Amino acid sequence: MAAKSNFDNPTPEIVQREIEALLAHLADSWARGDAKAYGELFCEEAQYVEAPGRRVRGRAAIAQSHQRSFDTFFKHTRIASGPPASDKLRQTLS
């Protein structure tokens, strides 16, 4: 019998850690201007809607689109993530 992974029946804590790790990897890839690493976080069939509204289809196209951005107007920029707004609201109302 194969050992169960954390994803067979993930707890909310495991899901939260995995989401945080994904967001950290996205932010790190962005900060380094590494579109290949950024794009690898998307599945082959992913669709990404850029800020102007253009839809980009596929992992390679997403990476290519981001490399153009990283090489020009997003050069030396960073992205950050934090708790969802609903978490902040829930804490405020408690």
Foldseek 3Di string as FASTA:
>chain_A
DDDDDCPVDPDPVVVVVVVVVLQVQCQVCLQVLNLLSNLVSDDQQDWDQDPVGDIFGGSVRSSVVSSVCCVPVSPNHTDDDDDDPVVVVVVVVD
